[in-house]
Amino acid sequence: MDLAPATGLTITFATKYFNSHWYILIVTLPYRFYYSEILTTFYTS
């Protein structure tokens, strides 16, 4: 079994997945932080 094609396929898949989802992670990151801040403030007040 040659691992080169499988490794290439994995890298290709990872790259495509990253390219299509990195902006979702970046866009939702501030909202996650903001939401956690609201919850923290709400429960500690």
Protein backbone atom coordinates (compact mmCIF):
# COMPACT_ATOMS: atom_id res chain seq x y z
CA MET A 1 0.00 0.00 0.00
CA ASP A 2 1.50 3.28 -1.08
CA LEU A 3 0.86 6.01 1.47
CA ALA A 4 1.64 8.88 -0.88
CA PRO A 5 -1.80 9.03 -2.59
CA ALA A 6 -3.62 8.69 0.73
CA THR A 7 -1.50 11.41 2.30
CA GLY A 8 -2.05 13.68 -0.69
CA LEU A 9 -5.78 13.07 -0.52
CA THR A 10 -5.83 13.85 3.18
CA ILE A 11 -3.89 17.07 2.66
CA THR A 12 -6.18 18.07 -0.21
CA PHE A 13 -9.28 17.40 1.88
CA ALA A 14 -7.87 19.26 4.86
CA THR A 15 -6.92 22.22 2.68
CA LYS A 16 -10.36 22.37 1.05
CA TYR A 17 -12.07 22.05 4.42
CA PHE A 18 -9.88 24.74 5.94
CA ASN A 19 -10.34 27.10 2.99
CA SER A 20 -14.13 26.75 3.20
CA HIS A 21 -14.43 27.01 6.97
CA TRP A 22 -11.69 29.30 8.24
CA TYR A 23 -13.82 32.40 7.67
CA ILE A 24 -16.65 30.84 9.64
CA LEU A 25 -14.30 30.32 12.57
CA ILE A 26 -12.99 33.88 12.34
CA VAL A 27 -16.45 35.42 11.96
CA THR A 28 -18.01 33.48 14.83
CA LEU A 29 -15.08 33.95 17.21
CA PRO A 30 -16.02 37.51 18.31
CA TYR A 31 -19.64 36.44 18.75
CA ARG A 32 -18.60 33.51 20.94
CA PHE A 33 -16.48 35.79 23.10
CA TYR A 34 -19.21 38.45 23.28
CA TYR A 35 -21.83 35.85 24.13
CA SER A 36 -19.68 34.35 26.89
CA GLU A 37 -19.10 37.84 28.29
CA ILE A 38 -22.87 38.47 28.38
CA LEU A 39 -23.49 35.16 30.14
CA THR A 40 -20.71 35.82 32.62
CA THR A 41 -22.02 39.30 33.39
CA PHE A 42 -25.59 38.04 33.66
CA TYR A 43 -24.80 35.22 36.07
CA THR A 44 -22.35 37.15 38.23
CA SER A 45 -24.45 40.27 38.69
